[in-house]
Amino acid sequence: MGGGTVSHASMRSYASSLGRSYDETTGRTGGQTFTARKIDPSLDPRNFKVRECCNSDEHPNTIPVILALDVTGSMGEACSETAAALGTIILDLYKHHKDIEICVMGIGDLAYDRAPIQMSQFESDIRIAESLDKVYMEHGGGGNSYESYTAAWYMGLKRTKLDCYDKQGRKGIIITMGDEPLNPYLPVGQLNAAIDGTEQANIETPTLYQEARQKFDIFHIAVDSPRDSFRSWETEIRNSFGQILGARLKVSSINGLAGVIEACINESVGSIVAVSQEQYNEETGNGISW
């Protein structure tokens, strides 16, 4: 998967086919609604074993990016607003990173929701928008003070095949977005039910992070909106995510998401260059910077 690119023309054509307006200045689509009332089979982890991000002549140096959006009730209207802004985000990213392939995820609460994990293919063209339209905004969640954000880490670790990692030694990127604290674990029974899995014990967050960070650079963006729960949980969010991710915990308004997501990707891509340079210098004794 992952052929083609997103453009204003393809976004305009897609919006028009659905009776929507499209503003090329802002990249936003008017009239976008999220009408799904259950998980789409194409996004259901029980229906696939792996999502692939493959290099090609068109995209020889793929940058796999998982964008995982909290779709629970606490996000309120901010959930749909954030999803609508992703069209702008995607177009902006392709101005600077032509080999990005994006996987869209919807993340809920494994303890309470019917569809706590939704995951698209990695794509680089209008199919990103098509996948986003299929996401079920369940608006669920429960009273446990967190959502299952680390399901995105788990799926990235266990259910993706990345040419950049396997063939070129480069990491992918996971960016989760939400408004509640980091979950301490993934409950094994509910996880297995959601993905048709065979895990034998709860997946503890610190252990999962140490494994997943070998394959992905991991970021979390706490979405600060008057219509979500960020300000009620700010201290807990900063403590829980900050302890694990450090400076890779970001905070953003909805209007600032595009810039923060691009900054995360630039930070990740820059760290890859820095590591490559360091390894090159060690191997050759060359102390000259690139």
Protein backbone atom coordinates (compact mmCIF):
# COMPACT_ATOMS: atom_id res chain seq x y z
CA MET A 1 0.00 0.00 0.00
CA GLY A 2 1.00 3.64 -0.13
CA GLY A 3 1.08 4.71 -3.80
CA GLY A 4 0.32 8.22 -5.00
CA THR A 5 0.25 11.53 -3.13
CA VAL A 6 -2.34 13.84 -1.64
CA SER A 7 -2.99 17.11 -3.48
CA HIS A 8 -5.47 19.97 -3.37
CA ALA A 9 -6.96 18.63 -6.60
CA SER A 10 -7.56 15.16 -5.16
CA MET A 11 -8.95 16.60 -1.92
CA ARG A 12 -11.28 18.93 -3.85
CA SER A 13 -12.46 16.11 -6.10
CA TYR A 14 -13.07 13.81 -3.13
CA ALA A 15 -14.98 16.51 -1.22
CA SER A 16 -17.09 17.29 -4.27
CA SER A 17 -17.99 13.62 -4.74
CA LEU A 18 -19.46 13.66 -1.23
CA GLY A 19 -21.28 16.99 -1.62
CA ARG A 20 -18.80 18.88 0.55
CA SER A 21 -16.99 22.16 0.07
CA TYR A 22 -13.21 22.42 0.03
CA ASP A 23 -11.10 25.48 0.80
CA GLU A 24 -7.67 25.30 -0.85
CA THR A 25 -6.39 28.17 1.30
CA THR A 26 -7.01 26.41 4.60
CA GLY A 27 -7.15 22.80 3.40
CA ARG A 28 -10.33 22.31 5.40
CA THR A 29 -13.41 20.50 4.18
CA GLY A 30 -16.87 21.87 4.90
CA GLY A 31 -19.77 19.59 5.73
CA GLN A 32 -17.62 16.71 6.96
CA THR A 33 -19.52 14.42 9.30
CA PHE A 34 -18.60 11.18 11.02
CA THR A 35 -21.69 9.06 10.68
CA ALA A 36 -20.36 5.53 11.34
CA ARG A 37 -22.28 3.68 14.04
CA LYS A 38 -19.94 0.72 14.30
CA ILE A 39 -16.41 -0.20 13.39
CA ASP A 40 -15.75 -0.46 9.66
CA PRO A 41 -14.51 -3.94 8.65
CA SER A 42 -11.53 -2.41 6.86
CA LEU A 43 -10.35 -0.83 10.15
CA ASP A 44 -11.09 -3.81 12.40
CA PRO A 45 -7.90 -5.44 13.77
CA ARG A 46 -9.70 -8.78 13.87
CA ASN A 47 -9.71 -8.73 10.07
CA PHE A 48 -5.99 -8.31 9.41
CA LYS A 49 -2.66 -9.55 10.73
CA VAL A 50 -0.35 -6.75 9.64
CA ARG A 51 -0.25 -3.28 8.09
CA GLU A 52 2.64 -2.77 5.68
CA CYS A 53 4.59 0.33 4.77
CA CYS A 54 6.68 -0.60 1.74
CA ASN A 55 9.32 1.32 -0.19
CA SER A 56 8.71 1.79 -3.92
CA ASP A 57 10.14 3.64 -6.90
CA GLU A 58 7.68 6.43 -6.13
CA HIS A 59 8.46 6.48 -2.39
CA PRO A 60 11.93 4.96 -1.93
CA ASN A 61 12.49 6.28 1.60
CA THR A 62 9.15 5.80 3.30
CA ILE A 63 8.41 7.56 6.58
CA PRO A 64 5.62 5.55 8.27
CA VAL A 65 3.47 7.77 10.47
CA ILE A 66 0.70 6.44 12.70
CA LEU A 67 -1.73 9.21 13.67
CA ALA A 68 -3.88 7.85 16.50
CA LEU A 69 -6.85 9.94 17.62
CA ASP A 70 -8.73 9.56 20.89
CA VAL A 71 -12.37 9.00 19.83
CA THR A 72 -13.90 8.73 23.31
CA GLY A 73 -16.59 10.86 24.89
CA SER A 74 -14.27 13.06 26.94
CA MET A 75 -12.90 14.60 23.76
CA GLY A 76 -16.36 15.97 23.04
CA GLU A 77 -16.67 18.11 19.93
CA ALA A 78 -12.88 18.41 19.90
CA CYS A 79 -12.75 14.84 18.61
CA SER A 80 -14.51 15.67 15.35
CA GLU A 81 -12.74 19.01 15.08
CA THR A 82 -9.36 17.32 15.44
CA ALA A 83 -10.26 14.74 12.80
CA ALA A 84 -11.45 17.45 10.43
CA ALA A 85 -8.15 19.30 10.88
CA LEU A 86 -6.18 16.23 9.84
CA GLY A 87 -6.86 16.99 6.18
CA THR A 88 -4.99 20.27 6.57
CA ILE A 89 -2.26 18.50 8.49
CA ILE A 90 -1.76 15.84 5.84
CA LEU A 91 -1.47 18.35 3.00
CA ASP A 92 1.01 20.44 4.96
CA LEU A 93 3.16 17.40 5.72
CA TYR A 94 3.46 16.46 2.04
CA LYS A 95 4.94 19.84 1.22
CA HIS A 96 8.08 18.85 3.12
CA HIS A 97 8.08 15.03 3.36
CA LYS A 98 7.06 13.45 0.06
CA ASP A 99 7.67 9.88 1.24
CA ILE A 100 5.36 9.95 4.25
CA GLU A 101 2.79 7.15 4.44
CA ILE A 102 0.04 7.65 6.99
CA CYS A 103 -1.92 5.12 9.01
CA VAL A 104 -4.99 6.54 10.74
CA MET A 105 -6.08 5.03 14.06
CA GLY A 106 -9.07 5.57 16.31
CA ILE A 107 -8.32 4.80 19.96
CA GLY A 108 -10.94 4.24 22.63
CA ASP A 109 -11.00 2.54 26.01
CA LEU A 110 -10.43 -1.22 26.04
CA ALA A 111 -12.25 -1.56 29.34
CA TYR A 112 -15.50 -0.01 28.13
CA ASP A 113 -15.79 0.46 24.36
CA ARG A 114 -17.12 -1.75 21.58
CA ALA A 115 -14.47 -0.59 19.09
CA PRO A 116 -11.43 0.52 21.12
CA ILE A 117 -8.89 -0.03 18.32
CA GLN A 118 -9.38 1.00 14.68
CA MET A 119 -6.47 0.97 12.22
CA SER A 120 -6.19 1.81 8.53
CA GLN A 121 -3.60 0.79 5.95
CA PHE A 122 -0.55 3.00 5.44
CA GLU A 123 -1.46 5.29 2.55
CA SER A 124 0.00 8.31 0.78
CA ASP A 125 -2.93 9.51 -1.34
CA ILE A 126 -6.62 10.35 -1.00
CA ARG A 127 -7.19 6.98 0.67
CA ILE A 128 -5.96 8.66 3.88
CA ALA A 129 -9.05 10.88 3.80
CA GLU A 130 -11.25 7.93 2.89
CA SER A 131 -9.93 5.97 5.88
CA LEU A 132 -10.48 8.93 8.18
CA ASP A 133 -14.10 9.19 7.04
CA LYS A 134 -14.62 5.56 8.07
CA VAL A 135 -13.47 6.07 11.67
CA TYR A 136 -16.20 5.32 14.18
CA MET A 137 -16.42 8.22 16.64
CA GLU A 138 -17.77 6.06 19.43
CA HIS A 139 -17.64 8.81 22.08
CA GLY A 140 -17.38 6.12 24.74
CA GLY A 141 -14.78 5.66 27.46
CA GLY A 142 -15.41 5.15 31.14
CA GLY A 143 -14.51 6.20 34.66
CA ASN A 144 -10.94 4.90 34.84
CA SER A 145 -9.29 8.32 34.23
CA TYR A 146 -7.44 7.32 31.07
CA GLU A 147 -7.92 5.91 27.58
CA SER A 148 -6.03 3.06 25.87
CA TYR A 149 -3.46 5.24 24.14
CA THR A 150 -0.75 2.59 24.25
CA ALA A 151 -2.84 0.37 21.98
CA ALA A 152 -1.27 2.44 19.18
CA TRP A 153 2.20 1.50 20.49
CA TYR A 154 1.19 -2.15 20.68
CA MET A 155 -0.26 -2.24 17.18
CA GLY A 156 2.78 -0.47 15.79
CA LEU A 157 5.10 -2.95 17.46
CA LYS A 158 3.16 -6.14 16.77
CA ARG A 159 1.04 -5.47 13.71
CA THR A 160 3.19 -3.46 11.29
CA LYS A 161 5.85 -4.39 8.75
CA LEU A 162 8.08 -1.43 7.88
CA ASP A 163 10.61 -1.45 5.05
CA CYS A 164 12.32 1.57 6.57
CA TYR A 165 12.99 -0.41 9.75
CA ASP A 166 13.62 -3.86 8.32
CA LYS A 167 15.74 -2.78 5.33
CA GLN A 168 17.16 0.64 6.19
CA GLY A 169 17.38 0.70 9.98
CA ARG A 170 15.10 3.75 10.31
CA LYS A 171 12.25 4.11 12.76
CA GLY A 172 8.63 4.88 12.06
CA ILE A 173 6.68 7.54 13.98
CA ILE A 174 3.67 7.15 16.28
CA ILE A 175 1.74 10.26 17.34
CA THR A 176 -1.20 9.79 19.68
CA MET A 177 -3.62 12.64 20.37
CA GLY A 178 -6.03 12.95 23.27
CA ASP A 179 -7.06 14.68 26.45
CA GLU A 180 -6.57 12.21 29.33
CA PRO A 181 -3.61 10.70 31.24
CA LEU A 182 -1.51 7.80 30.01
CA ASN A 183 -2.96 4.36 30.72
CA PRO A 184 -0.79 2.15 33.00
CA TYR A 185 -1.45 -1.05 31.03
CA LEU A 186 -3.56 -2.75 28.35
CA PRO A 187 -5.92 -5.35 29.88
CA VAL A 188 -5.18 -8.72 28.31
CA GLY A 189 -8.73 -10.04 27.97
CA GLN A 190 -10.13 -6.95 26.30
CA LEU A 191 -7.03 -6.53 24.12
CA ASN A 192 -7.27 -10.09 22.82
CA ALA A 193 -10.99 -9.64 22.14
CA ALA A 194 -10.40 -6.40 20.21
CA ILE A 195 -7.63 -7.75 17.96
CA ASP A 196 -8.24 -11.52 17.99
CA GLY A 197 -5.00 -11.80 19.94
CA THR A 198 -3.26 -14.42 22.06
CA GLU A 199 -1.49 -12.39 24.75
CA GLN A 200 -1.15 -14.15 28.11
CA ALA A 201 -0.91 -11.18 30.50
CA ASN A 202 -1.65 -7.48 30.76
CA ILE A 203 0.69 -5.33 28.65
CA GLU A 204 2.41 -2.97 31.09
CA THR A 205 3.09 0.50 29.71
CA PRO A 206 6.78 0.94 30.71
CA THR A 207 7.69 -2.46 29.25
CA LEU A 208 5.73 -1.84 26.06
CA TYR A 209 7.38 1.54 25.60
CA GLN A 210 10.88 0.09 25.87
CA GLU A 211 10.02 -2.43 23.15
CA ALA A 212 8.04 -0.13 20.86
CA ARG A 213 10.63 2.67 20.97
CA GLN A 214 13.11 0.40 19.20
CA LYS A 215 10.85 0.47 16.14
CA PHE A 216 9.12 3.87 16.45
CA ASP A 217 9.75 7.36 17.70
CA ILE A 218 6.76 7.92 19.96
CA PHE A 219 5.02 11.24 20.66
CA HIS A 220 1.81 12.26 22.39
CA ILE A 221 -0.04 15.50 21.77
CA ALA A 222 -2.37 16.55 24.57
CA VAL A 223 -5.19 18.42 22.86
CA ASP A 224 -6.10 21.55 24.81
CA SER A 225 -9.62 22.62 23.89
CA PRO A 226 -12.43 24.21 25.93
CA ARG A 227 -14.57 21.32 24.70
CA ASP A 228 -12.42 18.47 26.03
CA SER A 229 -11.03 17.33 29.39
CA PHE A 230 -7.41 18.43 29.10
CA ARG A 231 -7.58 21.21 31.65
CA SER A 232 -9.22 18.92 34.22
CA TRP A 233 -6.41 16.37 33.82
CA GLU A 234 -3.44 18.60 32.94
CA THR A 235 -1.30 17.75 35.97
CA GLU A 236 -1.93 14.01 35.60
CA ILE A 237 -1.31 14.15 31.84
CA ARG A 238 2.01 15.93 32.27
CA ASN A 239 3.08 13.55 35.03
CA SER A 240 2.06 10.28 33.37
CA PHE A 241 3.09 10.97 29.77
CA GLY A 242 6.03 13.13 30.79
CA GLN A 243 7.55 10.37 32.91
CA ILE A 244 7.65 8.05 29.90
CA LEU A 245 8.06 10.38 26.93
CA GLY A 246 9.82 13.39 28.42
CA ALA A 247 9.96 16.23 25.89
CA ARG A 248 8.05 14.14 23.36
CA LEU A 249 4.89 15.00 25.24
CA LYS A 250 3.49 18.06 23.47
CA VAL A 251 0.46 20.27 24.16
CA SER A 252 -1.50 21.90 21.36
CA SER A 253 -4.71 23.67 20.58
CA ILE A 254 -6.72 22.24 17.69
CA ASN A 255 -5.66 25.13 15.47
CA GLY A 256 -2.02 24.42 16.27
CA LEU A 257 -2.13 20.67 15.61
CA ALA A 258 -0.75 20.84 12.08
CA GLY A 259 2.37 22.66 13.22
CA VAL A 260 2.92 20.43 16.25
CA ILE A 261 2.52 17.21 14.25
CA GLU A 262 4.95 18.47 11.64
CA ALA A 263 7.37 19.47 14.42
CA CYS A 264 7.18 15.94 15.84
CA ILE A 265 7.97 14.46 12.43
CA ASN A 266 10.81 16.92 11.84
CA GLU A 267 12.20 16.05 15.28
CA SER A 268 12.08 12.35 14.46
CA VAL A 269 13.59 12.72 11.00
CA GLY A 270 16.29 14.99 12.43
CA SER A 271 17.17 12.45 15.12
CA ILE A 272 17.61 9.78 12.44
CA VAL A 273 20.09 12.01 10.60
CA ALA A 274 21.92 12.75 13.85
CA VAL A 275 22.24 9.07 14.74
CA SER A 276 23.41 8.20 11.23
CA GLN A 277 26.03 10.94 11.40
CA GLU A 278 27.28 9.74 14.78
CA GLN A 279 27.54 6.15 13.56
CA TYR A 280 29.35 7.28 10.41
CA ASN A 281 31.85 9.28 12.42
CA GLU A 282 32.49 6.39 14.80
CA GLU A 283 33.05 3.96 11.93
CA THR A 284 35.28 6.26 9.86
CA GLY A 285 36.90 8.46 12.49
CA ASN A 286 35.51 11.45 10.66
CA GLY A 287 34.63 14.28 13.03
CA ILE A 288 33.32 16.58 10.33
CA SER A 289 29.62 17.41 10.59
CA TRP A 290 27.39 16.74 7.63
